[in-house]
Amino acid sequence: MKKFTDFGLNETLLDALSYMNFEEATEIQAKAIPTILEGKDLIGCAQTGTGKTAAFVLPTLNQVAEEQSDGVQVLILCPTRELAVQIEQQIQGIAYFTNASCYAVYGGGDGVSWEGEADALKGGADIIVATPGRLLAHIARGYVKFDTVKHLILDEADRMLDIGFYDDIIKIIKTLPDKRQSLMFSATMATKIRQLAKQILKNPEEISVAISKPAEGVTQKVIMAHEEQKVSLVQHVLGDKDDFNAIIIFCSTKKKVERLARKLKQKGYSCQGISSDYEQEAREEALRDFRSGKTRIMVATDVMSRGIDIKGIDLVINYDVPGDAEDYVHRIGRTARAKTEGMAVTLISQDDMFKFSKIERLIDRELQKDQPPKSIGIGPKWRSPERKSKRRKVQSIKKTDLAKPAKSSHESKSLKQKKERKKEKSKNRLLYEALPNPRS
């Protein structure tokens, strides 16, 4: 296992890491940091919880600390405001003993935050962490100065493309100097990621670590549940988890978040909901309360499934199976981080079976499907997609048979007689055939 002291990092960064009790590098850090320090372009594939943020923050901070320059030196693009805030906080912690400054640029703020962002983009910060839409809004005003940028980093690149930021990313990159180091980090290595990499990276090194596999410390449980049973099941799962201090429940829609959070509050649980419907200030306050332990249970949409660095999550509940199999890994990646242990419970309804079968293929593991406790009732029976298609085939054959009922012996006999009578020639026909042929 490599230690951070093995990379030849700036002493001020090593002091900060020592202060935070970080000694050993994770796999992605051990592979990425030397490559980035050499100035090479890089495409890194690593899932949530592997320490990839520090993998690009440490070497770029090291170069910022050693190369004094006026203006923005590092531009980091990410998909969500939550991730932007998290990256900024991590940079502030690591850069505590250096002179490097960092500023996060993201939507949802007020006029004061806009002015602060504008000042930073005019050259008032060494490092900018930004969401593409907000950054383009500033660029359109004409005062953004990126001529000094030496490092471009795209974090959660696959998520940015999923959201539809491709065109925005290309527009932003056109404002940067051609001579720069470009780094791209993604949880998946889909075709669209490789296509983007070809456009913006030059002869990149490629690193892949633990692609699409849940952390070994996660205990995965699956419970079959009808939609109307899910609220009761969540309460049942929480019933014996009094020693679990931090719990995240993921729902597929904002309405479900509101409904479940309300139900849990009524039952006396310390609970808070969070989704894109919340104002930015309310979202940040909810996250602060959850991080500090003031709130024990967070009910959320997928806005929190990636990139939110909240340590010590004991339990993740998938109220709904995510539509994207990759998102399952990211959701349960909230727990069992940094070699700790955790639990993930997934509720599967009738409509979720096909989606979960895709997850099992992705993680290369078939999980046991449990039924709810008797007090809640019987849940749907698990059927794999293969069984489902066979059942439909059998049913279609039966319907065809019913549409054409079997003929009785009496009906068969009468049809035979009709055919025989048709074969018998009439008297007129016999006379006609006996007449001479006029053409002969």
Protein backbone atom coordinates (compact mmCIF):
# COMPACT_ATOMS: atom_id res chain seq x y z
CA MET A 1 0.00 0.00 0.00
CA LYS A 2 1.45 3.36 -1.04
CA LYS A 3 1.63 6.27 1.38
CA PHE A 4 1.15 9.91 0.44
CA THR A 5 4.76 10.58 1.42
CA ASP A 6 5.84 8.35 -1.50
CA PHE A 7 4.56 10.72 -4.20
CA GLY A 8 6.92 13.66 -3.62
CA LEU A 9 4.09 16.04 -2.79
CA ASN A 10 4.62 19.55 -1.46
CA GLU A 11 5.37 19.62 2.28
CA THR A 12 2.41 21.89 2.98
CA LEU A 13 0.04 19.32 1.45
CA LEU A 14 1.63 16.51 3.45
CA ASP A 15 1.16 18.58 6.61
CA ALA A 16 -2.54 19.00 5.78
CA LEU A 17 -2.95 15.26 5.08
CA SER A 18 -1.19 14.41 8.33
CA TYR A 19 -3.45 16.83 10.20
CA MET A 20 -6.49 15.01 8.72
CA ASN A 21 -4.99 11.59 9.60
CA PHE A 22 -4.62 10.53 5.94
CA GLU A 23 -1.58 8.32 5.45
CA GLU A 24 -2.29 5.55 2.92
CA ALA A 25 -3.52 6.20 -0.61
CA THR A 26 -6.46 4.33 -2.10
CA GLU A 27 -6.01 2.37 -5.34
CA ILE A 28 -7.26 5.16 -7.61
CA GLN A 29 -5.06 7.68 -5.79
CA ALA A 30 -1.99 5.46 -6.05
CA LYS A 31 -2.51 5.05 -9.80
CA ALA A 32 -3.68 8.56 -10.73
CA ILE A 33 -1.48 10.88 -8.65
CA PRO A 34 1.89 9.97 -10.27
CA THR A 35 0.38 10.27 -13.79
CA ILE A 36 -1.15 13.68 -13.04
CA LEU A 37 2.08 14.93 -11.45
CA GLU A 38 3.87 14.03 -14.70
CA GLY A 39 1.54 16.42 -16.52
CA LYS A 40 -0.18 13.75 -18.64
CA ASP A 41 -3.86 13.76 -19.60
CA LEU A 42 -5.90 11.08 -17.85
CA ILE A 43 -9.22 9.30 -18.04
CA GLY A 44 -10.02 7.60 -14.74
CA CYS A 45 -12.86 5.18 -14.12
CA ALA A 46 -13.74 4.69 -10.47
CA GLN A 47 -16.96 4.35 -8.49
CA THR A 48 -18.17 6.51 -5.63
CA GLY A 49 -16.29 6.02 -2.36
CA THR A 50 -12.89 5.10 -3.84
CA GLY A 51 -11.29 8.49 -3.06
CA LYS A 52 -11.17 9.80 -6.63
CA THR A 53 -11.75 13.44 -5.57
CA ALA A 54 -8.47 13.48 -3.67
CA ALA A 55 -6.88 11.63 -6.61
CA PHE A 56 -7.15 14.76 -8.75
CA VAL A 57 -7.24 17.44 -6.03
CA LEU A 58 -3.87 16.53 -4.48
CA PRO A 59 -1.66 16.61 -7.61
CA THR A 60 -3.32 19.73 -9.08
CA LEU A 61 -3.06 21.53 -5.74
CA ASN A 62 0.58 20.49 -5.63
CA GLN A 63 1.20 22.17 -8.98
CA VAL A 64 -0.76 25.29 -7.98
CA ALA A 65 1.34 25.57 -4.81
CA GLU A 66 4.60 25.32 -6.76
CA GLU A 67 3.66 27.41 -9.82
CA GLN A 68 2.72 30.91 -8.73
CA SER A 69 0.37 32.60 -11.19
CA ASP A 70 -2.26 35.31 -11.24
CA GLY A 71 -5.72 34.24 -12.29
CA VAL A 72 -7.63 30.96 -12.44
CA GLN A 73 -5.30 27.98 -12.81
CA VAL A 74 -7.64 25.03 -12.32
CA LEU A 75 -11.20 24.57 -13.62
CA ILE A 76 -13.24 21.66 -12.26
CA LEU A 77 -16.62 20.90 -13.88
CA CYS A 78 -19.18 18.69 -12.13
CA PRO A 79 -22.89 17.88 -12.63
CA THR A 80 -24.57 19.13 -9.42
CA ARG A 81 -24.33 21.97 -6.94
CA GLU A 82 -24.02 19.47 -4.08
CA LEU A 83 -20.96 17.90 -5.66
CA ALA A 84 -19.49 21.35 -6.37
CA VAL A 85 -19.82 22.28 -2.68
CA GLN A 86 -18.35 18.95 -1.58
CA ILE A 87 -15.30 19.29 -3.86
CA GLU A 88 -14.75 22.88 -2.72
CA GLN A 89 -14.85 21.82 0.93
CA GLN A 90 -12.34 19.04 0.32
CA ILE A 91 -10.02 21.44 -1.50
CA GLN A 92 -10.31 23.99 1.32
CA GLY A 93 -9.33 21.30 3.82
CA ILE A 94 -6.32 20.03 1.89
CA ALA A 95 -5.20 23.54 0.87
CA TYR A 96 -5.40 24.86 4.44
CA PHE A 97 -1.62 25.27 4.76
CA THR A 98 -1.11 26.60 1.22
CA ASN A 99 -1.88 29.96 -0.38
CA ALA A 100 -4.25 28.40 -2.92
CA SER A 101 -7.80 29.75 -3.02
CA CYS A 102 -10.93 27.98 -4.28
CA TYR A 103 -14.45 29.11 -5.16
CA ALA A 104 -17.57 27.12 -6.07
CA VAL A 105 -19.82 28.41 -8.86
CA TYR A 106 -23.32 26.89 -8.97
CA GLY A 107 -26.94 27.89 -9.45
CA GLY A 108 -29.64 28.54 -6.91
CA GLY A 109 -27.97 31.36 -4.99
CA ASP A 110 -28.84 35.03 -4.56
CA GLY A 111 -27.34 38.23 -5.96
CA VAL A 112 -24.60 38.29 -3.33
CA SER A 113 -23.37 34.82 -4.31
CA TRP A 114 -23.43 35.84 -8.00
CA GLU A 115 -21.15 38.81 -7.28
CA GLY A 116 -18.77 36.62 -5.31
CA GLU A 117 -18.65 34.12 -8.19
CA ALA A 118 -18.02 36.90 -10.71
CA ASP A 119 -15.06 38.24 -8.68
CA ALA A 120 -13.57 34.72 -8.47
CA LEU A 121 -13.99 34.14 -12.21
CA LYS A 122 -12.29 37.45 -13.01
CA GLY A 123 -9.12 36.01 -11.49
CA GLY A 124 -9.80 36.23 -7.78
CA ALA A 125 -9.41 32.47 -7.16
CA ASP A 126 -6.81 29.87 -8.17
CA ILE A 127 -9.34 27.04 -8.45
CA ILE A 128 -12.91 27.21 -9.74
CA VAL A 129 -15.37 24.36 -9.15
CA ALA A 130 -18.46 24.88 -11.29
CA THR A 131 -21.63 23.40 -12.73
CA PRO A 132 -21.73 23.96 -16.52
CA GLY A 133 -25.01 25.92 -16.72
CA ARG A 134 -24.07 28.49 -14.09
CA LEU A 135 -20.58 28.92 -15.51
CA LEU A 136 -21.93 29.57 -19.02
CA ALA A 137 -24.23 32.24 -17.60
CA HIS A 138 -21.13 34.05 -16.28
CA ILE A 139 -19.17 33.49 -19.50
CA ALA A 140 -22.02 35.12 -21.46
CA ARG A 141 -21.41 38.36 -19.48
CA GLY A 142 -17.93 38.66 -20.99
CA TYR A 143 -15.80 39.08 -17.86
CA VAL A 144 -14.63 35.49 -17.25
CA LYS A 145 -10.84 35.17 -17.58
CA PHE A 146 -9.64 31.64 -18.38
CA ASP A 147 -6.47 32.47 -20.30
CA THR A 148 -4.35 31.33 -17.33
CA VAL A 149 -6.06 27.93 -16.86
CA LYS A 150 -3.52 25.09 -16.86
CA HIS A 151 -5.67 22.21 -15.64
CA LEU A 152 -9.18 21.13 -16.68
CA ILE A 153 -10.97 18.43 -14.67
CA LEU A 154 -14.32 16.82 -15.49
CA ASP A 155 -15.70 14.97 -12.49
CA GLU A 156 -18.67 12.59 -12.83
CA ALA A 157 -18.42 13.04 -16.59
CA ASP A 158 -20.96 10.29 -17.28
CA ARG A 159 -23.54 12.02 -15.11
CA MET A 160 -22.95 15.35 -16.86
CA LEU A 161 -23.62 13.70 -20.21
CA ASP A 162 -26.73 11.96 -18.84
CA ILE A 163 -28.11 15.31 -17.70
CA GLY A 164 -27.45 16.80 -21.15
CA PHE A 165 -24.41 19.00 -20.52
CA TYR A 166 -22.44 17.87 -23.61
CA ASP A 167 -22.94 21.08 -25.61
CA ASP A 168 -22.29 23.23 -22.52
CA ILE A 169 -19.03 21.40 -21.82
CA ILE A 170 -17.82 21.90 -25.39
CA LYS A 171 -18.68 25.63 -25.24
CA ILE A 172 -16.75 26.04 -21.98
CA ILE A 173 -13.72 24.14 -23.29
CA LYS A 174 -13.53 26.50 -26.29
CA THR A 175 -12.83 29.37 -23.83
CA LEU A 176 -9.75 27.57 -22.40
CA PRO A 177 -6.16 27.62 -23.63
CA ASP A 178 -5.26 24.76 -25.99
CA LYS A 179 -2.13 24.08 -23.96
CA ARG A 180 -3.40 22.57 -20.73
CA GLN A 181 -3.64 19.32 -18.79
CA SER A 182 -7.08 17.68 -19.06
CA LEU A 183 -8.41 15.03 -16.68
CA MET A 184 -11.69 13.15 -16.88
CA PHE A 185 -13.20 11.02 -14.12
CA SER A 186 -16.25 8.85 -14.60
CA ALA A 187 -17.98 5.97 -12.81
CA THR A 188 -18.61 4.23 -16.14
CA MET A 189 -16.68 3.89 -19.39
CA ALA A 190 -19.59 4.05 -21.85
CA THR A 191 -19.09 4.78 -25.56
CA LYS A 192 -20.18 8.42 -25.16
CA ILE A 193 -17.50 8.92 -22.48
CA ARG A 194 -14.79 7.62 -24.79
CA GLN A 195 -16.06 9.86 -27.59
CA LEU A 196 -15.86 12.92 -25.33
CA ALA A 197 -12.40 11.87 -24.15
CA LYS A 198 -11.16 11.76 -27.76
CA GLN A 199 -12.35 15.34 -28.24
CA ILE A 200 -10.78 16.94 -25.18
CA LEU A 201 -7.87 14.70 -24.07
CA LYS A 202 -4.47 14.30 -25.73
CA ASN A 203 -2.87 10.84 -25.60
CA PRO A 204 -4.46 10.14 -22.21
CA GLU A 205 -3.43 7.47 -19.76
CA GLU A 206 -6.36 5.25 -18.75
CA ILE A 207 -7.01 3.98 -15.24
CA SER A 208 -9.91 1.74 -14.16
CA VAL A 209 -10.63 0.78 -10.57
CA ALA A 210 -13.46 -1.36 -9.22
CA ILE A 211 -15.92 -0.65 -12.04
CA SER A 212 -19.56 -1.21 -11.12
CA LYS A 213 -18.97 -3.43 -8.10
CA PRO A 214 -20.46 -2.63 -4.69
CA ALA A 215 -18.01 -2.22 -1.82
CA GLU A 216 -17.17 -5.51 -0.14
CA GLY A 217 -18.34 -4.23 3.23
CA VAL A 218 -21.96 -3.73 2.09
CA THR A 219 -24.50 -6.31 3.28
CA GLN A 220 -27.15 -6.36 0.52
CA LYS A 221 -30.71 -7.42 1.39
CA VAL A 222 -33.71 -7.64 -0.95
CA ILE A 223 -37.39 -7.69 0.06
CA MET A 224 -40.25 -8.27 -2.37
CA ALA A 225 -42.97 -5.66 -1.76
CA HIS A 226 -46.15 -4.39 -3.35
CA GLU A 227 -46.24 -0.60 -3.66
CA GLU A 228 -48.78 -0.24 -0.84
CA GLN A 229 -46.56 -2.29 1.51
CA LYS A 230 -43.42 -0.17 1.17
CA VAL A 231 -44.07 2.46 3.87
CA SER A 232 -44.80 -0.28 6.44
CA LEU A 233 -41.72 -2.19 5.30
CA VAL A 234 -39.47 0.84 5.74
CA GLN A 235 -40.77 1.23 9.30
CA HIS A 236 -40.15 -2.49 9.89
CA VAL A 237 -36.56 -2.23 8.60
CA LEU A 238 -35.92 0.81 10.81
CA GLY A 239 -37.50 -0.91 13.82
CA ASP A 240 -34.36 -2.68 15.08
CA LYS A 241 -31.81 -0.14 13.84
CA ASP A 242 -31.71 2.21 16.82
CA ASP A 243 -27.90 2.03 16.77
CA PHE A 244 -27.79 3.24 13.16
CA ASN A 245 -27.08 6.96 13.30
CA ALA A 246 -27.10 7.88 9.61
CA ILE A 247 -29.64 6.43 7.15
CA ILE A 248 -30.44 7.43 3.55
CA ILE A 249 -33.63 6.32 1.78
CA PHE A 250 -33.76 6.75 -2.01
CA CYS A 251 -37.08 7.25 -3.80
CA SER A 252 -37.73 7.52 -7.53
CA THR A 253 -39.95 10.62 -7.42
CA LYS A 254 -40.24 13.88 -5.49
CA LYS A 255 -43.81 13.01 -4.46
CA LYS A 256 -42.65 9.78 -2.85
CA VAL A 257 -39.91 11.66 -1.00
CA GLU A 258 -42.48 14.08 0.48
CA ARG A 259 -44.94 11.31 1.37
CA LEU A 260 -42.41 9.00 3.03
CA ALA A 261 -40.66 11.80 4.93
CA ARG A 262 -44.03 12.99 6.24
CA LYS A 263 -45.03 9.46 7.34
CA LEU A 264 -41.74 8.88 9.15
CA LYS A 265 -41.95 12.24 10.93
CA GLN A 266 -45.46 11.32 12.11
CA LYS A 267 -43.99 8.13 13.59
CA GLY A 268 -41.46 10.18 15.55
CA TYR A 269 -38.35 9.62 13.43
CA SER A 270 -35.76 12.37 13.04
CA CYS A 271 -36.21 12.70 9.30
CA GLN A 272 -35.74 15.20 6.47
CA GLY A 273 -36.61 15.06 2.77
CA ILE A 274 -34.47 16.52 -0.01
CA SER A 275 -35.05 16.82 -3.76
CA SER A 276 -34.58 19.31 -6.59
CA ASP A 277 -37.85 20.98 -5.55
CA TYR A 278 -36.12 22.38 -2.47
CA GLU A 279 -34.52 25.81 -2.59
CA GLN A 280 -30.72 25.71 -2.59
CA GLU A 281 -30.49 27.16 0.91
CA ALA A 282 -32.94 24.56 2.25
CA ARG A 283 -30.98 21.76 0.58
CA GLU A 284 -27.69 22.91 2.05
CA GLU A 285 -29.25 23.25 5.50
CA ALA A 286 -30.71 19.74 5.23
CA LEU A 287 -27.30 18.33 4.28
CA ARG A 288 -25.60 20.20 7.14
CA ASP A 289 -28.12 18.82 9.63
CA PHE A 290 -27.59 15.30 8.28
CA ARG A 291 -23.80 15.55 8.34
CA SER A 292 -23.82 16.88 11.89
CA GLY A 293 -26.18 14.16 13.12
CA LYS A 294 -29.01 16.56 13.89
CA THR A 295 -31.09 14.65 11.33
CA ARG A 296 -30.85 10.85 11.47
CA ILE A 297 -32.75 9.86 8.31
CA MET A 298 -32.51 11.52 4.90
CA VAL A 299 -35.17 10.70 2.28
CA ALA A 300 -33.90 11.72 -1.14
CA THR A 301 -34.15 11.41 -4.88
CA ASP A 302 -31.07 10.52 -6.92
CA VAL A 303 -29.75 14.06 -6.46
CA MET A 304 -27.74 12.52 -3.59
CA SER A 305 -26.80 9.19 -5.15
CA ARG A 306 -23.45 10.42 -6.46
CA GLY A 307 -20.75 12.71 -5.24
CA ILE A 308 -22.01 13.61 -1.78
CA ASP A 309 -19.22 12.92 0.67
CA ILE A 310 -21.07 12.02 3.87
CA LYS A 311 -19.05 9.67 6.00
CA GLY A 312 -20.41 7.06 8.39
CA ILE A 313 -23.65 6.08 6.57
CA ASP A 314 -24.93 2.97 8.33
CA LEU A 315 -27.88 2.05 6.13
CA VAL A 316 -29.14 2.75 2.60
CA ILE A 317 -32.73 1.82 1.71
CA ASN A 318 -33.78 1.69 -1.93
CA TYR A 319 -37.49 2.46 -1.64
CA ASP A 320 -37.56 2.04 -5.43
CA VAL A 321 -35.17 0.15 -7.69
CA PRO A 322 -33.20 2.72 -9.75
CA GLY A 323 -33.83 2.73 -13.49
CA ASP A 324 -30.11 2.68 -14.25
CA ALA A 325 -28.23 -0.36 -12.94
CA GLU A 326 -25.14 1.81 -12.37
CA ASP A 327 -27.13 4.03 -10.01
CA TYR A 328 -27.70 1.05 -7.70
CA VAL A 329 -23.96 0.82 -7.14
CA HIS A 330 -23.74 4.56 -6.49
CA ARG A 331 -26.69 4.54 -4.11
CA ILE A 332 -25.38 1.72 -1.94
CA GLY A 333 -21.91 3.26 -2.30
CA ARG A 334 -23.06 5.83 0.27
CA THR A 335 -22.40 3.16 2.93
CA ALA A 336 -19.34 0.99 3.67
CA ARG A 337 -16.95 3.71 2.53
CA ALA A 338 -13.25 3.60 3.24
CA LYS A 339 -13.26 -0.09 4.26
CA THR A 340 -16.08 0.27 6.78
CA GLU A 341 -19.19 -1.92 6.93
CA GLY A 342 -22.75 -1.01 6.05
CA MET A 343 -26.12 -2.32 4.96
CA ALA A 344 -28.29 -1.78 1.87
CA VAL A 345 -31.93 -2.88 1.70
CA THR A 346 -33.83 -2.82 -1.61
CA LEU A 347 -37.61 -3.11 -1.96
CA ILE A 348 -38.72 -4.73 -5.23
CA SER A 349 -42.24 -4.37 -6.59
CA GLN A 350 -43.83 -6.25 -9.48
CA ASP A 351 -42.72 -3.56 -11.93
CA ASP A 352 -39.14 -3.46 -10.63
CA MET A 353 -38.17 -7.09 -11.31
CA PHE A 354 -36.72 -6.55 -14.78
CA LYS A 355 -34.70 -3.53 -13.58
CA PHE A 356 -33.29 -5.52 -10.65
CA SER A 357 -32.35 -8.44 -12.89
CA LYS A 358 -30.18 -5.97 -14.87
CA ILE A 359 -28.54 -4.90 -11.60
CA GLU A 360 -27.74 -8.52 -10.74
CA ARG A 361 -26.12 -9.00 -14.15
CA LEU A 362 -24.08 -5.83 -13.63
CA ILE A 363 -22.78 -6.81 -10.19
CA ASP A 364 -22.44 -10.45 -11.30
CA ARG A 365 -24.33 -11.71 -8.29
CA GLU A 366 -27.81 -13.13 -7.64
CA LEU A 367 -29.21 -11.88 -4.32
CA GLN A 368 -31.68 -13.71 -2.12
CA LYS A 369 -35.23 -12.32 -2.38
CA ASP A 370 -37.05 -12.30 0.96
CA GLN A 371 -40.77 -11.93 1.62
CA PRO A 372 -42.12 -9.26 4.01
CA PRO A 373 -42.98 -10.30 7.57
CA LYS A 374 -46.42 -11.95 7.94
CA SER A 375 -47.83 -8.88 9.71
CA ILE A 376 -47.33 -6.86 6.50
CA GLY A 377 -48.58 -9.53 4.10
CA ILE A 378 -47.30 -11.50 1.14
CA GLY A 379 -45.25 -9.62 -1.41
CA PRO A 380 -44.99 -10.35 -5.15
CA LYS A 381 -43.26 -13.55 -6.20
CA TRP A 382 -39.89 -13.05 -7.87
CA ARG A 383 -39.81 -14.02 -11.52
CA SER A 384 -36.73 -13.61 -13.68
CA PRO A 385 -37.19 -12.10 -17.16
CA GLU A 386 -36.58 -15.55 -18.72
CA ARG A 387 -39.46 -17.11 -16.78
CA LYS A 388 -41.66 -14.17 -17.64
CA SER A 389 -41.14 -14.56 -21.38
CA LYS A 390 -41.78 -18.32 -21.23
CA ARG A 391 -44.99 -17.78 -19.28
CA ARG A 392 -46.24 -15.30 -21.86
CA LYS A 393 -45.51 -17.80 -24.63
CA VAL A 394 -47.49 -20.55 -22.90
CA GLN A 395 -50.37 -18.17 -22.28
CA SER A 396 -50.49 -17.13 -25.94
CA ILE A 397 -50.68 -20.78 -27.02
CA LYS A 398 -53.58 -21.40 -24.64
CA LYS A 399 -55.45 -18.39 -25.96
CA THR A 400 -55.01 -19.66 -29.54
CA ASP A 401 -56.35 -23.05 -28.52
CA LEU A 402 -59.38 -21.44 -26.89
CA ALA A 403 -60.06 -19.39 -30.02
CA LYS A 404 -60.26 -22.62 -32.06
CA PRO A 405 -62.20 -25.19 -29.95
CA ALA A 406 -61.73 -28.87 -30.69
CA LYS A 407 -64.31 -30.34 -33.10
CA SER A 408 -66.66 -33.05 -31.82
CA SER A 409 -66.82 -36.51 -33.49
CA HIS A 410 -70.33 -35.72 -34.85
CA GLU A 411 -69.06 -32.50 -36.53
CA SER A 412 -66.10 -34.36 -38.00
CA LYS A 413 -68.38 -37.07 -39.48
CA SER A 414 -70.73 -34.57 -41.15
CA LEU A 415 -67.81 -32.64 -42.69
CA LYS A 416 -66.45 -35.91 -44.12
CA GLN A 417 -69.80 -36.73 -45.70
CA LYS A 418 -69.98 -33.25 -47.30
CA LYS A 419 -66.53 -33.75 -48.84
CA GLU A 420 -67.53 -37.18 -50.21
CA ARG A 421 -70.72 -35.76 -51.74
CA LYS A 422 -68.69 -33.06 -53.45
CA LYS A 423 -66.54 -35.76 -55.02
CA GLU A 424 -69.62 -37.63 -56.42
CA LYS A 425 -70.54 -36.47 -59.97
CA SER A 426 -74.15 -35.41 -60.72
CA LYS A 427 -76.24 -36.96 -63.61
CA ASN A 428 -76.02 -33.71 -65.62
CA ARG A 429 -72.27 -33.73 -65.27
CA LEU A 430 -72.10 -37.33 -66.54
CA LEU A 431 -74.30 -36.48 -69.63
CA TYR A 432 -72.16 -33.41 -70.38
CA GLU A 433 -69.00 -35.43 -70.34
CA ALA A 434 -70.61 -38.04 -72.73
CA LEU A 435 -71.22 -35.42 -75.47
CA PRO A 436 -68.69 -35.23 -78.33
CA ASN A 437 -66.06 -32.49 -78.14
CA PRO A 438 -66.72 -29.98 -80.93
CA ARG A 439 -62.98 -29.07 -81.15
CA SER A 440 -61.90 -32.65 -81.79
